[in-house]
Amino acid sequence: MMMYALAAVLLGVGLYGLLVKRHLLKKVLGLLIVEHAVNLFLIQLGYIDGGIAPIRTAGEEAAAFVGNAVDPLPQVLVLTSIVIGLGLAMLMVALTLRIYQRYGSLDADRMSELKG
């Protein structure tokens, strides 16, 4: 239960940084914190206390295996999310760098030249 609360706190901190802060780098960090909170939540969904790896050997009983096996789907989703998150983080940092080079500031309020 404590890890669910940690994921909720991380989600709240990330959403605060994403929605309230005006500095673009803080918005990027807020989005990354939200991503990690969702990953932590997915990992907790797939956790079984005392679970075994979902690999069935020839000598195992099917009933005992099904009850104790950990669901591999959340683990696969988190691994995929980490890879996609890395690409997204690099894209956001590159765009933030280009915005800084163009406007000389990362404050969203000071970028009055943005049109579109």
C-alpha atoms as a PDB file:
ATOM      1  CA  MET A   1       0.000   0.000   0.000  1.00  0.00           C
ATOM      2  CA  MET A   2       2.914   2.331   0.712  1.00  0.00           C
ATOM      3  CA  MET A   3       4.208   2.070  -2.838  1.00  0.00           C
ATOM      4  CA  TYR A   4       0.799   3.062  -4.225  1.00  0.00           C
ATOM      5  CA  ALA A   5       0.926   6.152  -2.004  1.00  0.00           C
ATOM      6  CA  LEU A   6       4.441   6.907  -3.273  1.00  0.00           C
ATOM      7  CA  ALA A   7       3.240   6.620  -6.856  1.00  0.00           C
ATOM      8  CA  ALA A   8       0.350   8.987  -6.069  1.00  0.00           C
ATOM      9  CA  VAL A   9       2.700  11.520  -4.442  1.00  0.00           C
ATOM     10  CA  LEU A  10       5.065  11.348  -7.408  1.00  0.00           C
ATOM     11  CA  LEU A  11       2.124  11.818  -9.763  1.00  0.00           C
ATOM     12  CA  GLY A  12       0.998  14.869  -7.794  1.00  0.00           C
ATOM     13  CA  VAL A  13       4.465  16.420  -7.770  1.00  0.00           C
ATOM     14  CA  GLY A  14       4.871  15.801 -11.490  1.00  0.00           C
ATOM     15  CA  LEU A  15       1.473  17.253 -12.353  1.00  0.00           C
ATOM     16  CA  TYR A  16       2.218  20.287 -10.178  1.00  0.00           C
ATOM     17  CA  GLY A  17       5.473  20.900 -12.035  1.00  0.00           C
ATOM     18  CA  LEU A  18       3.821  20.317 -15.383  1.00  0.00           C
ATOM     19  CA  LEU A  19       0.756  22.502 -14.879  1.00  0.00           C
ATOM     20  CA  VAL A  20       1.872  25.302 -12.541  1.00  0.00           C
ATOM     21  CA  LYS A  21       5.483  26.082 -13.409  1.00  0.00           C
ATOM     22  CA  ARG A  22       6.246  28.444 -16.307  1.00  0.00           C
ATOM     23  CA  HIS A  23       9.893  27.439 -16.832  1.00  0.00           C
ATOM     24  CA  LEU A  24      10.122  24.934 -19.696  1.00  0.00           C
ATOM     25  CA  LEU A  25      12.841  22.821 -18.105  1.00  0.00           C
ATOM     26  CA  LYS A  26      10.669  22.413 -14.993  1.00  0.00           C
ATOM     27  CA  LYS A  27       7.807  21.326 -17.228  1.00  0.00           C
ATOM     28  CA  VAL A  28      10.063  18.702 -18.834  1.00  0.00           C
ATOM     29  CA  LEU A  29      11.111  17.434 -15.408  1.00  0.00           C
ATOM     30  CA  GLY A  30       7.467  17.355 -14.294  1.00  0.00           C
ATOM     31  CA  LEU A  31       6.531  15.210 -17.273  1.00  0.00           C
ATOM     32  CA  LEU A  32       9.414  12.828 -16.557  1.00  0.00           C
ATOM     33  CA  ILE A  33       8.302  12.516 -12.913  1.00  0.00           C
ATOM     34  CA  VAL A  34       4.754  11.707 -14.066  1.00  0.00           C
ATOM     35  CA  GLU A  35       6.168   9.048 -16.374  1.00  0.00           C
ATOM     36  CA  HIS A  36       8.140   7.444 -13.539  1.00  0.00           C
ATOM     37  CA  ALA A  37       5.083   7.534 -11.270  1.00  0.00           C
ATOM     38  CA  VAL A  38       3.051   5.640 -13.867  1.00  0.00           C
ATOM     39  CA  ASN A  39       5.877   3.119 -14.286  1.00  0.00           C
ATOM     40  CA  LEU A  40       5.996   2.573 -10.519  1.00  0.00           C
ATOM     41  CA  PHE A  41       2.238   2.072 -10.442  1.00  0.00           C
ATOM     42  CA  LEU A  42       2.379  -0.500 -13.251  1.00  0.00           C
ATOM     43  CA  ILE A  43       5.176  -2.385 -11.517  1.00  0.00           C
ATOM     44  CA  GLN A  44       3.101  -2.516  -8.336  1.00  0.00           C
ATOM     45  CA  LEU A  45       0.092  -3.862 -10.238  1.00  0.00           C
ATOM     46  CA  GLY A  46       2.111  -6.845 -11.444  1.00  0.00           C
ATOM     47  CA  TYR A  47       3.751  -7.613  -8.093  1.00  0.00           C
ATOM     48  CA  ILE A  48       2.791 -10.784  -6.211  1.00  0.00           C
ATOM     49  CA  ASP A  49       4.307 -11.414  -2.797  1.00  0.00           C
ATOM     50  CA  GLY A  50       6.231 -14.681  -3.012  1.00  0.00           C
ATOM     51  CA  GLY A  51       5.584 -14.970  -6.744  1.00  0.00           C
ATOM     52  CA  ILE A  52       7.678 -17.030  -9.103  1.00  0.00           C
ATOM     53  CA  ALA A  53       8.920 -16.337 -12.600  1.00  0.00           C
ATOM     54  CA  PRO A  54       6.302 -17.123 -15.278  1.00  0.00           C
ATOM     55  CA  ILE A  55       8.373 -19.936 -16.787  1.00  0.00           C
ATOM     56  CA  ARG A  56       6.862 -23.383 -16.454  1.00  0.00           C
ATOM     57  CA  THR A  57       9.171 -26.361 -16.394  1.00  0.00           C
ATOM     58  CA  ALA A  58       8.191 -29.902 -17.321  1.00  0.00           C
ATOM     59  CA  GLY A  59       7.977 -31.177 -13.731  1.00  0.00           C
ATOM     60  CA  GLU A  60       5.704 -28.486 -12.327  1.00  0.00           C
ATOM     61  CA  GLU A  61       2.030 -28.811 -11.601  1.00  0.00           C
ATOM     62  CA  ALA A  62      -0.094 -26.459 -13.710  1.00  0.00           C
ATOM     63  CA  ALA A  63      -2.370 -25.456 -10.813  1.00  0.00           C
ATOM     64  CA  ALA A  64       0.538 -24.512  -8.524  1.00  0.00           C
ATOM     65  CA  PHE A  65       2.200 -22.575 -11.323  1.00  0.00           C
ATOM     66  CA  VAL A  66      -0.824 -20.449 -12.229  1.00  0.00           C
ATOM     67  CA  GLY A  67      -1.509 -19.344  -8.658  1.00  0.00           C
ATOM     68  CA  ASN A  68       2.031 -18.180  -7.869  1.00  0.00           C
ATOM     69  CA  ALA A  69       3.249 -16.862 -11.217  1.00  0.00           C
ATOM     70  CA  VAL A  70       3.895 -13.146 -11.607  1.00  0.00           C
ATOM     71  CA  ASP A  71       2.084 -11.466 -14.502  1.00  0.00           C
ATOM     72  CA  PRO A  72       4.751 -10.495 -17.082  1.00  0.00           C
ATOM     73  CA  LEU A  73       2.542  -7.987 -18.950  1.00  0.00           C
ATOM     74  CA  PRO A  74       3.141  -5.014 -16.580  1.00  0.00           C
ATOM     75  CA  GLN A  75       6.874  -5.670 -16.735  1.00  0.00           C
ATOM     76  CA  VAL A  76       6.802  -5.613 -20.536  1.00  0.00           C
ATOM     77  CA  LEU A  77       4.727  -2.422 -20.523  1.00  0.00           C
ATOM     78  CA  VAL A  78       7.178  -0.723 -18.164  1.00  0.00           C
ATOM     79  CA  LEU A  79      10.176  -1.750 -20.262  1.00  0.00           C
ATOM     80  CA  THR A  80       8.474  -0.382 -23.357  1.00  0.00           C
ATOM     81  CA  SER A  81       7.544   2.786 -21.484  1.00  0.00           C
ATOM     82  CA  ILE A  82      11.147   3.304 -20.378  1.00  0.00           C
ATOM     83  CA  VAL A  83      12.410   3.087 -23.953  1.00  0.00           C
ATOM     84  CA  ILE A  84       9.708   5.419 -25.270  1.00  0.00           C
ATOM     85  CA  GLY A  85      10.254   7.773 -22.321  1.00  0.00           C
ATOM     86  CA  LEU A  86      13.956   8.022 -23.094  1.00  0.00           C
ATOM     87  CA  GLY A  87      13.235   9.040 -26.678  1.00  0.00           C
ATOM     88  CA  LEU A  88      10.601  11.509 -25.522  1.00  0.00           C
ATOM     89  CA  ALA A  89      12.979  12.999 -22.943  1.00  0.00           C
ATOM     90  CA  MET A  90      15.680  13.513 -25.557  1.00  0.00           C
ATOM     91  CA  LEU A  91      13.189  15.153 -27.904  1.00  0.00           C
ATOM     92  CA  MET A  92      11.928  17.474 -25.168  1.00  0.00           C
ATOM     93  CA  VAL A  93      15.448  18.471 -24.140  1.00  0.00           C
ATOM     94  CA  ALA A  94      16.419  19.118 -27.768  1.00  0.00           C
ATOM     95  CA  LEU A  95      13.315  21.267 -28.323  1.00  0.00           C
ATOM     96  CA  THR A  96      13.961  23.145 -25.075  1.00  0.00           C
ATOM     97  CA  LEU A  97      17.537  23.819 -26.174  1.00  0.00           C
ATOM     98  CA  ARG A  98      16.352  25.134 -29.553  1.00  0.00           C
ATOM     99  CA  ILE A  99      13.785  27.375 -27.851  1.00  0.00           C
ATOM    100  CA  TYR A 100      16.503  28.761 -25.585  1.00  0.00           C
ATOM    101  CA  GLN A 101      18.789  29.408 -28.558  1.00  0.00           C
ATOM    102  CA  ARG A 102      16.010  31.177 -30.432  1.00  0.00           C
ATOM    103  CA  TYR A 103      14.429  33.245 -27.656  1.00  0.00           C
ATOM    104  CA  GLY A 104      17.192  33.473 -25.047  1.00  0.00           C
ATOM    105  CA  SER A 105      14.845  32.389 -22.254  1.00  0.00           C
ATOM    106  CA  LEU A 106      13.028  29.311 -21.044  1.00  0.00           C
ATOM    107  CA  ASP A 107      10.212  31.245 -19.369  1.00  0.00           C
ATOM    108  CA  ALA A 108       6.972  30.598 -21.240  1.00  0.00           C
ATOM    109  CA  ASP A 109       5.631  34.072 -20.392  1.00  0.00           C
ATOM    110  CA  ARG A 110       8.615  35.821 -21.964  1.00  0.00           C
ATOM    111  CA  MET A 111       8.227  34.126 -25.336  1.00  0.00           C
ATOM    112  CA  SER A 112       5.852  36.636 -26.861  1.00  0.00           C
ATOM    113  CA  GLU A 113       7.159  35.971 -30.375  1.00  0.00           C
ATOM    114  CA  LEU A 114       5.514  32.551 -30.537  1.00  0.00           C
ATOM    115  CA  LYS A 115       2.734  32.488 -33.069  1.00  0.00           C
ATOM    116  CA  GLY A 116       0.644  29.702 -34.168  1.00  0.00           C
END
